[in-house]
Amino acid sequence: MVKIRLRRIGGKKEPYYRLVVADSRYPRDGRFIEEIGHYNPSTDPATVVVDADKAKDWIAKGAQPTETAKALLKKSGVID
């Protein structure tokens, strides 16, 4: 199954995430199909940047967002 999920790229005590489309069998920080955005919880307020067209396209193709990814997509206005 294809999922939209977060991939951690930040250092120790400095979380920074990329929103990626990946096969559910791949590891969290492993191989992915496409990057569709990024999320930085360290800033105030937290920064969320999502390519809405790519996200909607992948959801239309059947990609399932995880709980956290779904919350970020709702926050950025991609899904309702």
PDB file of N, CA and C in Angstrom:
ATOM      1  N   MET A   1       0.834  -1.173   0.000  1.00  0.00           N
ATOM      2  CA  MET A   1       0.000   0.000   0.000  1.00  0.00           C
ATOM      3  C   MET A   1       0.885   1.246   0.000  1.00  0.00           C
ATOM      4  N   VAL A   2       0.464   2.237  -0.741  1.00  0.00           N
ATOM      5  CA  VAL A   2       1.196   3.504  -0.806  1.00  0.00           C
ATOM      6  C   VAL A   2       0.651   4.427   0.274  1.00  0.00           C
ATOM      7  N   LYS A   3       1.563   5.023   1.034  1.00  0.00           N
ATOM      8  CA  LYS A   3       1.175   5.911   2.134  1.00  0.00           C
ATOM      9  C   LYS A   3       1.833   7.274   1.980  1.00  0.00           C
ATOM     10  N   ILE A   4       1.151   8.281   2.503  1.00  0.00           N
ATOM     11  CA  ILE A   4       1.735   9.619   2.638  1.00  0.00           C
ATOM     12  C   ILE A   4       2.119   9.727   4.097  1.00  0.00           C
ATOM     13  N   ARG A   5       3.402   9.923   4.373  1.00  0.00           N
ATOM     14  CA  ARG A   5       3.868   9.928   5.757  1.00  0.00           C
ATOM     15  C   ARG A   5       5.064  10.856   5.933  1.00  0.00           C
ATOM     16  N   LEU A   6       5.490  10.995   7.187  1.00  0.00           N
ATOM     17  CA  LEU A   6       6.619  11.862   7.500  1.00  0.00           C
ATOM     18  C   LEU A   6       7.924  11.071   7.488  1.00  0.00           C
ATOM     19  N   ARG A   7       8.978  11.738   7.035  1.00  0.00           N
ATOM     20  CA  ARG A   7      10.318  11.160   7.022  1.00  0.00           C
ATOM     21  C   ARG A   7      11.212  12.114   7.796  1.00  0.00           C
ATOM     22  N   ARG A   8      11.792  11.660   8.894  1.00  0.00           N
ATOM     23  CA  ARG A   8      12.604  12.541   9.728  1.00  0.00           C
ATOM     24  C   ARG A   8      13.981  12.746   9.113  1.00  0.00           C
ATOM     25  N   ILE A   9      14.386  14.021   9.009  1.00  0.00           N
ATOM     26  CA  ILE A   9      15.718  14.328   8.502  1.00  0.00           C
ATOM     27  C   ILE A   9      16.489  15.220   9.458  1.00  0.00           C
ATOM     28  N   GLY A  10      15.876  15.651  10.542  1.00  0.00           N
ATOM     29  CA  GLY A  10      16.525  16.550  11.488  1.00  0.00           C
ATOM     30  C   GLY A  10      17.541  15.841  12.354  1.00  0.00           C
ATOM     31  N   GLY A  11      18.375  16.622  12.988  1.00  0.00           N
ATOM     32  CA  GLY A  11      19.399  16.079  13.881  1.00  0.00           C
ATOM     33  C   GLY A  11      18.837  15.785  15.259  1.00  0.00           C
ATOM     34  N   LYS A  12      19.718  15.420  16.154  1.00  0.00           N
ATOM     35  CA  LYS A  12      19.317  15.113  17.515  1.00  0.00           C
ATOM     36  C   LYS A  12      18.735  16.364  18.183  1.00  0.00           C
ATOM     37  N   LYS A  13      17.561  16.228  18.767  1.00  0.00           N
ATOM     38  CA  LYS A  13      16.850  17.315  19.442  1.00  0.00           C
ATOM     39  C   LYS A  13      16.445  18.453  18.498  1.00  0.00           C
ATOM     40  N   GLU A  14      16.545  18.257  17.185  1.00  0.00           N
ATOM     41  CA  GLU A  14      16.149  19.253  16.192  1.00  0.00           C
ATOM     42  C   GLU A  14      15.303  18.579  15.123  1.00  0.00           C
ATOM     43  N   PRO A  15      14.062  18.236  15.425  1.00  0.00           N
ATOM     44  CA  PRO A  15      13.249  17.514  14.451  1.00  0.00           C
ATOM     45  C   PRO A  15      12.902  18.368  13.239  1.00  0.00           C
ATOM     46  N   TYR A  16      12.973  17.758  12.077  1.00  0.00           N
ATOM     47  CA  TYR A  16      12.572  18.360  10.812  1.00  0.00           C
ATOM     48  C   TYR A  16      12.103  17.209   9.939  1.00  0.00           C
ATOM     49  N   TYR A  17      10.968  17.355   9.319  1.00  0.00           N
ATOM     50  CA  TYR A  17      10.368  16.245   8.593  1.00  0.00           C
ATOM     51  C   TYR A  17      10.070  16.616   7.155  1.00  0.00           C
ATOM     52  N   ARG A  18      10.127  15.617   6.278  1.00  0.00           N
ATOM     53  CA  ARG A  18       9.663  15.765   4.906  1.00  0.00           C
ATOM     54  C   ARG A  18       8.407  14.935   4.752  1.00  0.00           C
ATOM     55  N   LEU A  19       7.445  15.458   4.052  1.00  0.00           N
ATOM     56  CA  LEU A  19       6.211  14.739   3.756  1.00  0.00           C
ATOM     57  C   LEU A  19       6.447  13.996   2.449  1.00  0.00           C
ATOM     58  N   VAL A  20       6.433  12.674   2.515  1.00  0.00           N
ATOM     59  CA  VAL A  20       6.768  11.857   1.352  1.00  0.00           C
ATOM     60  C   VAL A  20       5.676  10.843   1.057  1.00  0.00           C
ATOM     61  N   VAL A  21       5.691  10.371  -0.185  1.00  0.00           N
ATOM     62  CA  VAL A  21       4.832   9.267  -0.608  1.00  0.00           C
ATOM     63  C   VAL A  21       5.748   8.054  -0.687  1.00  0.00           C
ATOM     64  N   ALA A  22       5.408   6.993   0.058  1.00  0.00           N
ATOM     65  CA  ALA A  22       6.268   5.813   0.120  1.00  0.00           C
ATOM     66  C   ALA A  22       5.431   4.550   0.222  1.00  0.00           C
ATOM     67  N   ASP A  23       6.023   3.443  -0.187  1.00  0.00           N
ATOM     68  CA  ASP A  23       5.405   2.137   0.006  1.00  0.00           C
ATOM     69  C   ASP A  23       5.434   1.838   1.501  1.00  0.00           C
ATOM     70  N   SER A  24       4.374   1.262   2.021  1.00  0.00           N
ATOM     71  CA  SER A  24       4.286   1.021   3.466  1.00  0.00           C
ATOM     72  C   SER A  24       5.320   0.014   3.956  1.00  0.00           C
ATOM     73  N   ARG A  25       5.909  -0.766   3.052  1.00  0.00           N
ATOM     74  CA  ARG A  25       6.902  -1.763   3.457  1.00  0.00           C
ATOM     75  C   ARG A  25       8.300  -1.164   3.635  1.00  0.00           C
ATOM     76  N   TYR A  26       8.515   0.062   3.152  1.00  0.00           N
ATOM     77  CA  TYR A  26       9.824   0.696   3.278  1.00  0.00           C
ATOM     78  C   TYR A  26       9.998   1.246   4.687  1.00  0.00           C
ATOM     79  N   PRO A  27      11.248   1.333   5.182  1.00  0.00           N
ATOM     80  CA  PRO A  27      11.466   1.911   6.513  1.00  0.00           C
ATOM     81  C   PRO A  27      11.109   3.405   6.554  1.00  0.00           C
ATOM     82  N   ARG A  28      10.919   3.927   7.753  1.00  0.00           N
ATOM     83  CA  ARG A  28      10.499   5.323   7.934  1.00  0.00           C
ATOM     84  C   ARG A  28      11.401   6.304   7.200  1.00  0.00           C
ATOM     85  N   ASP A  29      12.699   6.151   7.354  1.00  0.00           N
ATOM     86  CA  ASP A  29      13.636   7.087   6.725  1.00  0.00           C
ATOM     87  C   ASP A  29      14.276   6.490   5.484  1.00  0.00           C
ATOM     88  N   GLY A  30      13.683   5.449   4.944  1.00  0.00           N
ATOM     89  CA  GLY A  30      14.257   4.757   3.793  1.00  0.00           C
ATOM     90  C   GLY A  30      13.771   5.310   2.468  1.00  0.00           C
ATOM     91  N   ARG A  31      13.670   4.410   1.516  1.00  0.00           N
ATOM     92  CA  ARG A  31      13.312   4.760   0.151  1.00  0.00           C
ATOM     93  C   ARG A  31      11.896   5.335   0.098  1.00  0.00           C
ATOM     94  N   PHE A  32      11.692   6.281  -0.812  1.00  0.00           N
ATOM     95  CA  PHE A  32      10.368   6.864  -0.997  1.00  0.00           C
ATOM     96  C   PHE A  32      10.141   7.126  -2.472  1.00  0.00           C
ATOM     97  N   ILE A  33       8.904   7.360  -2.847  1.00  0.00           N
ATOM     98  CA  ILE A  33       8.541   7.554  -4.244  1.00  0.00           C
ATOM     99  C   ILE A  33       8.673   9.021  -4.641  1.00  0.00           C
ATOM    100  N   GLU A  34       8.091   9.916  -3.826  1.00  0.00           N
ATOM    101  CA  GLU A  34       8.121  11.336  -4.158  1.00  0.00           C
ATOM    102  C   GLU A  34       7.992  12.174  -2.890  1.00  0.00           C
ATOM    103  N   GLU A  35       8.661  13.309  -2.879  1.00  0.00           N
ATOM    104  CA  GLU A  35       8.551  14.260  -1.779  1.00  0.00           C
ATOM    105  C   GLU A  35       7.505  15.296  -2.153  1.00  0.00           C
ATOM    106  N   ILE A  36       6.541  15.536  -1.253  1.00  0.00           N
ATOM    107  CA  ILE A  36       5.466  16.476  -1.568  1.00  0.00           C
ATOM    108  C   ILE A  36       5.404  17.668  -0.617  1.00  0.00           C
ATOM    109  N   GLY A  37       6.326  17.748   0.351  1.00  0.00           N
ATOM    110  CA  GLY A  37       6.319  18.887   1.249  1.00  0.00           C
ATOM    111  C   GLY A  37       7.273  18.704   2.412  1.00  0.00           C
ATOM    112  N   HIS A  38       7.253  19.654   3.344  1.00  0.00           N
ATOM    113  CA  HIS A  38       8.075  19.539   4.548  1.00  0.00           C
ATOM    114  C   HIS A  38       7.378  20.195   5.731  1.00  0.00           C
ATOM    115  N   TYR A  39       7.842  19.821   6.940  1.00  0.00           N
ATOM    116  CA  TYR A  39       7.232  20.250   8.194  1.00  0.00           C
ATOM    117  C   TYR A  39       8.336  20.508   9.206  1.00  0.00           C
ATOM    118  N   ASN A  40       8.324  21.707   9.792  1.00  0.00           N
ATOM    119  CA  ASN A  40       9.311  22.067  10.799  1.00  0.00           C
ATOM    120  C   ASN A  40       8.582  22.459  12.087  1.00  0.00           C
ATOM    121  N   PRO A  41       8.533  21.530  13.070  1.00  0.00           N
ATOM    122  CA  PRO A  41       7.827  21.845  14.315  1.00  0.00           C
ATOM    123  C   PRO A  41       8.619  22.750  15.251  1.00  0.00           C
ATOM    124  N   SER A  42       9.885  23.019  14.950  1.00  0.00           N
ATOM    125  CA  SER A  42      10.737  23.811  15.843  1.00  0.00           C
ATOM    126  C   SER A  42      10.448  25.305  15.765  1.00  0.00           C
ATOM    127  N   THR A  43       9.891  25.767  14.648  1.00  0.00           N
ATOM    128  CA  THR A  43       9.604  27.193  14.513  1.00  0.00           C
ATOM    129  C   THR A  43       8.327  27.531  15.276  1.00  0.00           C
ATOM    130  N   ASP A  44       8.110  28.815  15.540  1.00  0.00           N
ATOM    131  CA  ASP A  44       6.903  29.235  16.240  1.00  0.00           C
ATOM    132  C   ASP A  44       6.176  30.262  15.388  1.00  0.00           C
ATOM    133  N   PRO A  45       5.070  29.974  14.776  1.00  0.00           N
ATOM    134  CA  PRO A  45       4.348  28.694  14.743  1.00  0.00           C
ATOM    135  C   PRO A  45       5.039  27.690  13.821  1.00  0.00           C
ATOM    136  N   ALA A  46       4.658  26.437  13.939  1.00  0.00           N
ATOM    137  CA  ALA A  46       5.255  25.367  13.136  1.00  0.00           C
ATOM    138  C   ALA A  46       5.037  25.646  11.645  1.00  0.00           C
ATOM    139  N   THR A  47       6.073  25.361  10.842  1.00  0.00           N
ATOM    140  CA  THR A  47       6.022  25.602   9.415  1.00  0.00           C
ATOM    141  C   THR A  47       5.583  24.348   8.677  1.00  0.00           C
ATOM    142  N   VAL A  48       4.552  24.476   7.846  1.00  0.00           N
ATOM    143  CA  VAL A  48       4.073  23.371   7.018  1.00  0.00           C
ATOM    144  C   VAL A  48       3.999  23.861   5.584  1.00  0.00           C
ATOM    145  N   VAL A  49       4.743  23.215   4.681  1.00  0.00           N
ATOM    146  CA  VAL A  49       4.716  23.549   3.264  1.00  0.00           C
ATOM    147  C   VAL A  49       4.370  22.282   2.507  1.00  0.00           C
ATOM    148  N   VAL A  50       3.266  22.323   1.747  1.00  0.00           N
ATOM    149  CA  VAL A  50       2.804  21.147   1.006  1.00  0.00           C
ATOM    150  C   VAL A  50       2.489  21.555  -0.427  1.00  0.00           C
ATOM    151  N   ASP A  51       2.932  20.735  -1.387  1.00  0.00           N
ATOM    152  CA  ASP A  51       2.550  20.917  -2.785  1.00  0.00           C
ATOM    153  C   ASP A  51       1.153  20.317  -2.933  1.00  0.00           C
ATOM    154  N   ALA A  52       0.135  21.165  -2.927  1.00  0.00           N
ATOM    155  CA  ALA A  52      -1.256  20.710  -2.904  1.00  0.00           C
ATOM    156  C   ALA A  52      -1.612  19.877  -4.122  1.00  0.00           C
ATOM    157  N   ASP A  53      -1.119  20.252  -5.293  1.00  0.00           N
ATOM    158  CA  ASP A  53      -1.458  19.508  -6.505  1.00  0.00           C
ATOM    159  C   ASP A  53      -0.932  18.076  -6.448  1.00  0.00           C
ATOM    160  N   LYS A  54       0.309  17.921  -5.996  1.00  0.00           N
ATOM    161  CA  LYS A  54       0.884  16.574  -5.884  1.00  0.00           C
ATOM    162  C   LYS A  54       0.156  15.752  -4.835  1.00  0.00           C
ATOM    163  N   ALA A  55      -0.169  16.376  -3.700  1.00  0.00           N
ATOM    164  CA  ALA A  55      -0.856  15.662  -2.626  1.00  0.00           C
ATOM    165  C   ALA A  55      -2.234  15.190  -3.083  1.00  0.00           C
ATOM    166  N   LYS A  56      -2.999  16.065  -3.720  1.00  0.00           N
ATOM    167  CA  LYS A  56      -4.326  15.686  -4.205  1.00  0.00           C
ATOM    168  C   LYS A  56      -4.232  14.596  -5.268  1.00  0.00           C
ATOM    169  N   ASP A  57      -3.221  14.678  -6.122  1.00  0.00           N
ATOM    170  CA  ASP A  57      -3.023  13.673  -7.163  1.00  0.00           C
ATOM    171  C   ASP A  57      -2.759  12.299  -6.554  1.00  0.00           C
ATOM    172  N   TRP A  58      -1.886  12.238  -5.540  1.00  0.00           N
ATOM    173  CA  TRP A  58      -1.566  10.963  -4.898  1.00  0.00           C
ATOM    174  C   TRP A  58      -2.765  10.417  -4.127  1.00  0.00           C
ATOM    175  N   ILE A  59      -3.529  11.262  -3.487  1.00  0.00           N
ATOM    176  CA  ILE A  59      -4.719  10.799  -2.773  1.00  0.00           C
ATOM    177  C   ILE A  59      -5.745  10.249  -3.767  1.00  0.00           C
ATOM    178  N   ALA A  60      -5.868  10.903  -4.932  1.00  0.00           N
ATOM    179  CA  ALA A  60      -6.778  10.412  -5.975  1.00  0.00           C
ATOM    180  C   ALA A  60      -6.327   9.055  -6.507  1.00  0.00           C
ATOM    181  N   LYS A  61      -5.013   8.813  -6.505  1.00  0.00           N
ATOM    182  CA  LYS A  61      -4.476   7.528  -6.970  1.00  0.00           C
ATOM    183  C   LYS A  61      -4.620   6.434  -5.917  1.00  0.00           C
ATOM    184  N   GLY A  62      -5.017   6.804  -4.689  1.00  0.00           N
ATOM    185  CA  GLY A  62      -5.253   5.797  -3.660  1.00  0.00           C
ATOM    186  C   GLY A  62      -4.268   5.799  -2.511  1.00  0.00           C
ATOM    187  N   ALA A  63      -3.359   6.777  -2.448  1.00  0.00           N
ATOM    188  CA  ALA A  63      -2.413   6.848  -1.335  1.00  0.00           C
ATOM    189  C   ALA A  63      -3.151   7.213  -0.055  1.00  0.00           C
ATOM    190  N   GLN A  64      -2.833   6.526   1.032  1.00  0.00           N
ATOM    191  CA  GLN A  64      -3.483   6.755   2.325  1.00  0.00           C
ATOM    192  C   GLN A  64      -2.564   7.553   3.239  1.00  0.00           C
ATOM    193  N   PRO A  65      -2.973   8.750   3.684  1.00  0.00           N
ATOM    194  CA  PRO A  65      -2.132   9.494   4.627  1.00  0.00           C
ATOM    195  C   PRO A  65      -2.195   8.886   6.026  1.00  0.00           C
ATOM    196  N   THR A  66      -1.088   8.941   6.755  1.00  0.00           N
ATOM    197  CA  THR A  66      -1.080   8.497   8.147  1.00  0.00           C
ATOM    198  C   THR A  66      -1.823   9.542   8.979  1.00  0.00           C
ATOM    199  N   GLU A  67      -2.037   9.250  10.256  1.00  0.00           N
ATOM    200  CA  GLU A  67      -2.773  10.176  11.133  1.00  0.00           C
ATOM    201  C   GLU A  67      -2.111  11.559  11.165  1.00  0.00           C
ATOM    202  N   THR A  68      -0.797  11.588  11.367  1.00  0.00           N
ATOM    203  CA  THR A  68      -0.079  12.864  11.454  1.00  0.00           C
ATOM    204  C   THR A  68      -0.073  13.576  10.116  1.00  0.00           C
ATOM    205  N   ALA A  69       0.154  12.832   9.038  1.00  0.00           N
ATOM    206  CA  ALA A  69       0.164  13.430   7.705  1.00  0.00           C
ATOM    207  C   ALA A  69      -1.209  14.001   7.369  1.00  0.00           C
ATOM    208  N   LYS A  70      -2.267  13.305   7.761  1.00  0.00           N
ATOM    209  CA  LYS A  70      -3.629  13.785   7.505  1.00  0.00           C
ATOM    210  C   LYS A  70      -3.873  15.099   8.248  1.00  0.00           C
ATOM    211  N   ALA A  71      -3.398  15.185   9.483  1.00  0.00           N
ATOM    212  CA  ALA A  71      -3.557  16.421  10.260  1.00  0.00           C
ATOM    213  C   ALA A  71      -2.810  17.580   9.594  1.00  0.00           C
ATOM    214  N   LEU A  72      -1.612  17.315   9.087  1.00  0.00           N
ATOM    215  CA  LEU A  72      -0.839  18.364   8.416  1.00  0.00           C
ATOM    216  C   LEU A  72      -1.494  18.775   7.100  1.00  0.00           C
ATOM    217  N   LEU A  73      -2.051  17.825   6.365  1.00  0.00           N
ATOM    218  CA  LEU A  73      -2.741  18.145   5.116  1.00  0.00           C
ATOM    219  C   LEU A  73      -3.995  18.976   5.385  1.00  0.00           C
ATOM    220  N   LYS A  74      -4.690  18.678   6.488  1.00  0.00           N
ATOM    221  CA  LYS A  74      -5.865  19.477   6.857  1.00  0.00           C
ATOM    222  C   LYS A  74      -5.443  20.884   7.265  1.00  0.00           C
ATOM    223  N   LYS A  75      -4.346  20.968   8.003  1.00  0.00           N
ATOM    224  CA  LYS A  75      -3.853  22.274   8.477  1.00  0.00           C
ATOM    225  C   LYS A  75      -3.456  23.169   7.294  1.00  0.00           C
ATOM    226  N   SER A  76      -2.891  22.561   6.249  1.00  0.00           N
ATOM    227  CA  SER A  76      -2.468  23.342   5.083  1.00  0.00           C
ATOM    228  C   SER A  76      -3.600  23.545   4.077  1.00  0.00           C
ATOM    229  N   GLY A  77      -4.768  22.942   4.327  1.00  0.00           N
ATOM    230  CA  GLY A  77      -5.928  23.180   3.472  1.00  0.00           C
ATOM    231  C   GLY A  77      -6.010  22.296   2.248  1.00  0.00           C
ATOM    232  N   VAL A  78      -5.246  21.225   2.190  1.00  0.00           N
ATOM    233  CA  VAL A  78      -5.262  20.329   1.033  1.00  0.00           C
ATOM    234  C   VAL A  78      -6.496  19.435   1.061  1.00  0.00           C
ATOM    235  N   ILE A  79      -6.817  18.884   2.242  1.00  0.00           N
ATOM    236  CA  ILE A  79      -8.025  18.069   2.384  1.00  0.00           C
ATOM    237  C   ILE A  79      -8.908  18.704   3.454  1.00  0.00           C
ATOM    238  N   ASP A  80     -10.170  18.334   3.430  1.00  0.00           N
ATOM    239  CA  ASP A  80     -11.073  18.923   4.430  1.00  0.00           C
ATOM    240  C   ASP A  80     -11.558  17.927   5.430  1.00  0.00           C
TER     241      ASP A  80
END
